[in-house]
Amino acid sequence: MKRSRYTEEPIIATLKQVDAGAKVQDVIRKLGIAEQTYYRWKSKFGGMEVSDAKKLRAMEDENRRLKYLVADLTLDNQMLKAVVSKKW
């Protein structure tokens, strides 16, 4: 998956600039991002602090790792059931 070139700190700083009264068009022009990107950031990180965003990212990483483990164990389980079900 492609990594964003912006981390949590600049994203949240950008959202706070607009909350403080800056115009959205000026901020996105300065950063060189699309308006859609700004609103995607706002829906994901709106109202968060940097520490909250870091916790969210850590939880997403852990969730991704756990999903991989469950998928791997499910495949092992299906393989073992297939071996046991064969008649010897």
N, C-alpha and C. Protein backbone atom coordinates (compact mmCIF):
# COMPACT_ATOMS: atom_id res chain seq x y z
N MET A 1 0.83 -1.17 0.00
CA MET A 1 0.00 0.00 0.00
C MET A 1 0.89 1.25 0.00
N LYS A 2 0.51 2.22 -0.78
CA LYS A 2 1.30 3.44 -0.90
C LYS A 2 1.21 4.26 0.39
N ARG A 3 2.36 4.70 0.87
CA ARG A 3 2.40 5.52 2.08
C ARG A 3 2.17 6.98 1.72
N SER A 4 1.47 7.66 2.57
CA SER A 4 1.22 9.08 2.37
C SER A 4 2.50 9.86 2.63
N ARG A 5 2.67 10.95 1.91
CA ARG A 5 3.85 11.76 2.19
C ARG A 5 3.61 12.70 3.35
N TYR A 6 2.39 12.75 3.83
CA TYR A 6 2.05 13.56 4.99
C TYR A 6 1.79 12.64 6.18
N THR A 7 2.38 12.97 7.31
CA THR A 7 2.13 12.20 8.53
C THR A 7 1.00 12.87 9.31
N GLU A 8 0.74 12.35 10.49
CA GLU A 8 -0.38 12.85 11.27
C GLU A 8 -0.21 14.31 11.67
N GLU A 9 1.02 14.70 12.00
CA GLU A 9 1.25 16.06 12.49
C GLU A 9 0.86 17.13 11.47
N PRO A 10 1.38 17.08 10.22
CA PRO A 10 0.98 18.12 9.28
C PRO A 10 -0.50 18.05 8.88
N ILE A 11 -1.06 16.86 8.87
CA ILE A 11 -2.48 16.73 8.53
C ILE A 11 -3.33 17.45 9.57
N ILE A 12 -3.07 17.18 10.83
CA ILE A 12 -3.85 17.79 11.91
C ILE A 12 -3.57 19.28 11.99
N ALA A 13 -2.33 19.69 11.72
CA ALA A 13 -2.02 21.12 11.70
C ALA A 13 -2.81 21.82 10.60
N THR A 14 -2.94 21.18 9.45
CA THR A 14 -3.72 21.74 8.35
C THR A 14 -5.18 21.89 8.73
N LEU A 15 -5.74 20.87 9.36
CA LEU A 15 -7.14 20.93 9.77
C LEU A 15 -7.36 22.03 10.80
N LYS A 16 -6.40 22.21 11.70
CA LYS A 16 -6.53 23.26 12.71
C LYS A 16 -6.40 24.65 12.10
N GLN A 17 -5.60 24.79 11.03
CA GLN A 17 -5.51 26.08 10.34
C GLN A 17 -6.87 26.51 9.80
N VAL A 18 -7.56 25.56 9.17
CA VAL A 18 -8.86 25.87 8.60
C VAL A 18 -9.87 26.15 9.72
N ASP A 19 -9.79 25.40 10.82
CA ASP A 19 -10.67 25.65 11.95
C ASP A 19 -10.43 27.02 12.56
N ALA A 20 -9.19 27.49 12.47
CA ALA A 20 -8.85 28.80 13.03
C ALA A 20 -9.33 29.95 12.16
N GLY A 21 -9.76 29.66 10.94
CA GLY A 21 -10.31 30.71 10.11
C GLY A 21 -9.69 30.85 8.73
N ALA A 22 -8.68 30.09 8.42
CA ALA A 22 -8.08 30.17 7.09
C ALA A 22 -9.03 29.55 6.07
N LYS A 23 -8.94 30.02 4.83
CA LYS A 23 -9.79 29.48 3.78
C LYS A 23 -9.23 28.15 3.30
N VAL A 24 -10.14 27.22 3.02
CA VAL A 24 -9.76 25.89 2.56
C VAL A 24 -8.95 26.00 1.27
N GLN A 25 -9.41 26.81 0.34
CA GLN A 25 -8.72 26.94 -0.95
C GLN A 25 -7.28 27.42 -0.79
N ASP A 26 -7.06 28.36 0.12
CA ASP A 26 -5.70 28.86 0.33
C ASP A 26 -4.79 27.80 0.93
N VAL A 27 -5.31 27.05 1.88
CA VAL A 27 -4.51 26.03 2.56
C VAL A 27 -4.15 24.90 1.61
N ILE A 28 -5.12 24.43 0.83
CA ILE A 28 -4.81 23.30 -0.07
C ILE A 28 -3.90 23.74 -1.21
N ARG A 29 -4.01 24.98 -1.64
CA ARG A 29 -3.11 25.49 -2.67
C ARG A 29 -1.68 25.56 -2.14
N LYS A 30 -1.54 26.00 -0.89
CA LYS A 30 -0.21 26.10 -0.28
C LYS A 30 0.44 24.73 -0.11
N LEU A 31 -0.37 23.72 0.25
CA LEU A 31 0.17 22.37 0.44
C LEU A 31 0.32 21.60 -0.87
N GLY A 32 -0.43 22.01 -1.89
CA GLY A 32 -0.38 21.30 -3.16
C GLY A 32 -1.17 20.02 -3.14
N ILE A 33 -2.30 20.01 -2.43
CA ILE A 33 -3.15 18.83 -2.36
C ILE A 33 -4.49 19.14 -3.01
N ALA A 34 -5.24 18.10 -3.32
CA ALA A 34 -6.57 18.28 -3.89
C ALA A 34 -7.58 18.57 -2.79
N GLU A 35 -8.67 19.19 -3.18
CA GLU A 35 -9.72 19.48 -2.21
C GLU A 35 -10.31 18.19 -1.64
N GLN A 36 -10.40 17.18 -2.48
CA GLN A 36 -10.90 15.89 -2.03
C GLN A 36 -10.01 15.30 -0.94
N THR A 37 -8.70 15.47 -1.08
CA THR A 37 -7.76 14.98 -0.07
C THR A 37 -8.01 15.68 1.26
N TYR A 38 -8.21 16.99 1.23
CA TYR A 38 -8.48 17.73 2.46
C TYR A 38 -9.73 17.19 3.15
N TYR A 39 -10.80 16.99 2.40
CA TYR A 39 -12.04 16.53 3.02
C TYR A 39 -11.94 15.08 3.48
N ARG A 40 -11.10 14.28 2.81
CA ARG A 40 -10.86 12.92 3.29
C ARG A 40 -10.12 12.95 4.61
N TRP A 41 -9.13 13.84 4.72
CA TRP A 41 -8.41 14.02 5.99
C TRP A 41 -9.37 14.49 7.07
N LYS A 42 -10.25 15.41 6.71
CA LYS A 42 -11.18 15.96 7.69
C LYS A 42 -12.13 14.88 8.21
N SER A 43 -12.58 13.99 7.33
CA SER A 43 -13.48 12.93 7.78
C SER A 43 -12.76 11.91 8.65
N LYS A 44 -11.48 11.68 8.39
CA LYS A 44 -10.73 10.69 9.15
C LYS A 44 -10.13 11.26 10.43
N PHE A 45 -9.56 12.47 10.36
CA PHE A 45 -8.82 13.03 11.48
C PHE A 45 -9.49 14.23 12.13
N GLY A 46 -10.68 14.60 11.70
CA GLY A 46 -11.34 15.78 12.24
C GLY A 46 -11.60 15.65 13.73
N GLY A 47 -11.19 16.64 14.50
CA GLY A 47 -11.40 16.64 15.94
C GLY A 47 -10.39 15.84 16.74
N MET A 48 -9.37 15.31 16.07
CA MET A 48 -8.36 14.50 16.76
C MET A 48 -7.14 15.34 17.12
N GLU A 49 -6.44 14.87 18.10
CA GLU A 49 -5.11 15.40 18.41
C GLU A 49 -4.09 14.45 17.79
N VAL A 50 -2.85 14.86 17.78
CA VAL A 50 -1.79 14.05 17.16
C VAL A 50 -1.66 12.70 17.86
N SER A 51 -1.75 12.70 19.18
CA SER A 51 -1.61 11.43 19.91
C SER A 51 -2.76 10.47 19.57
N ASP A 52 -3.96 11.01 19.39
CA ASP A 52 -5.09 10.17 19.00
C ASP A 52 -4.88 9.57 17.62
N ALA A 53 -4.35 10.35 16.71
CA ALA A 53 -4.10 9.87 15.35
C ALA A 53 -3.03 8.79 15.34
N LYS A 54 -2.01 8.94 16.18
CA LYS A 54 -0.97 7.91 16.26
C LYS A 54 -1.52 6.61 16.83
N LYS A 55 -2.41 6.73 17.83
CA LYS A 55 -3.05 5.54 18.38
C LYS A 55 -3.92 4.86 17.33
N LEU A 56 -4.63 5.66 16.52
CA LEU A 56 -5.45 5.11 15.46
C LEU A 56 -4.60 4.34 14.46
N ARG A 57 -3.48 4.92 14.06
CA ARG A 57 -2.60 4.24 13.11
C ARG A 57 -2.06 2.94 13.70
N ALA A 58 -1.69 2.96 14.98
CA ALA A 58 -1.17 1.74 15.62
C ALA A 58 -2.25 0.67 15.67
N MET A 59 -3.47 1.07 15.96
CA MET A 59 -4.56 0.10 16.00
C MET A 59 -4.86 -0.47 14.62
N GLU A 60 -4.78 0.37 13.58
CA GLU A 60 -4.99 -0.11 12.21
C GLU A 60 -3.91 -1.11 11.82
N ASP A 61 -2.66 -0.84 12.19
CA ASP A 61 -1.57 -1.77 11.90
C ASP A 61 -1.76 -3.11 12.62
N GLU A 62 -2.16 -3.03 13.89
CA GLU A 62 -2.39 -4.26 14.64
C GLU A 62 -3.55 -5.04 14.06
N ASN A 63 -4.61 -4.34 13.66
CA ASN A 63 -5.76 -4.99 13.06
C ASN A 63 -5.38 -5.70 11.76
N ARG A 64 -4.56 -5.04 10.95
CA ARG A 64 -4.09 -5.64 9.71
C ARG A 64 -3.29 -6.91 9.98
N ARG A 65 -2.42 -6.86 11.00
CA ARG A 65 -1.61 -8.02 11.36
C ARG A 65 -2.48 -9.17 11.86
N LEU A 66 -3.48 -8.85 12.67
CA LEU A 66 -4.36 -9.89 13.20
C LEU A 66 -5.22 -10.52 12.10
N LYS A 67 -5.66 -9.72 11.15
CA LYS A 67 -6.43 -10.27 10.03
C LYS A 67 -5.59 -11.25 9.23
N TYR A 68 -4.32 -10.92 9.04
CA TYR A 68 -3.42 -11.81 8.33
C TYR A 68 -3.27 -13.13 9.09
N LEU A 69 -3.11 -13.05 10.41
CA LEU A 69 -2.97 -14.26 11.22
C LEU A 69 -4.22 -15.13 11.15
N VAL A 70 -5.39 -14.51 11.22
CA VAL A 70 -6.64 -15.27 11.15
C VAL A 70 -6.77 -15.95 9.79
N ALA A 71 -6.44 -15.25 8.72
CA ALA A 71 -6.52 -15.85 7.39
C ALA A 71 -5.57 -17.03 7.26
N ASP A 72 -4.37 -16.88 7.80
CA ASP A 72 -3.38 -17.95 7.73
C ASP A 72 -3.85 -19.17 8.53
N LEU A 73 -4.36 -18.94 9.72
CA LEU A 73 -4.84 -20.06 10.54
C LEU A 73 -6.07 -20.72 9.93
N THR A 74 -6.92 -19.96 9.28
CA THR A 74 -8.09 -20.53 8.62
C THR A 74 -7.67 -21.45 7.49
N LEU A 75 -6.67 -21.04 6.72
CA LEU A 75 -6.17 -21.90 5.65
C LEU A 75 -5.56 -23.19 6.20
N ASP A 76 -4.82 -23.07 7.29
CA ASP A 76 -4.25 -24.27 7.93
C ASP A 76 -5.35 -25.20 8.41
N ASN A 77 -6.38 -24.63 9.01
CA ASN A 77 -7.49 -25.42 9.52
C ASN A 77 -8.20 -26.15 8.37
N GLN A 78 -8.46 -25.47 7.28
CA GLN A 78 -9.12 -26.10 6.13
C GLN A 78 -8.26 -27.20 5.54
N MET A 79 -6.95 -26.99 5.50
CA MET A 79 -6.05 -27.99 4.97
C MET A 79 -6.08 -29.24 5.85
N LEU A 80 -6.04 -29.06 7.15
CA LEU A 80 -6.06 -30.20 8.07
C LEU A 80 -7.39 -30.95 7.99
N LYS A 81 -8.49 -30.23 7.84
CA LYS A 81 -9.80 -30.90 7.69
C LYS A 81 -9.85 -31.71 6.40
N ALA A 82 -9.26 -31.20 5.36
CA ALA A 82 -9.24 -31.92 4.08
C ALA A 82 -8.41 -33.19 4.20
N VAL A 83 -7.31 -33.14 4.92
CA VAL A 83 -6.45 -34.31 5.10
C VAL A 83 -7.16 -35.36 5.96
N VAL A 84 -7.83 -34.92 7.01
CA VAL A 84 -8.52 -35.85 7.91
C VAL A 84 -9.72 -36.49 7.22
N SER A 85 -10.38 -35.77 6.34
CA SER A 85 -11.59 -36.29 5.73
C SER A 85 -11.32 -37.35 4.66
N LYS A 86 -10.10 -37.46 4.18
CA LYS A 86 -9.77 -38.46 3.17
C LYS A 86 -9.81 -39.86 3.79
N LYS A 87 -10.22 -40.78 3.01
CA LYS A 87 -10.28 -42.17 3.50
C LYS A 87 -8.93 -42.84 3.24
N TRP A 88 -8.43 -43.48 4.24
CA TRP A 88 -7.13 -44.15 4.13
C TRP A 88 -7.33 -45.56 3.83
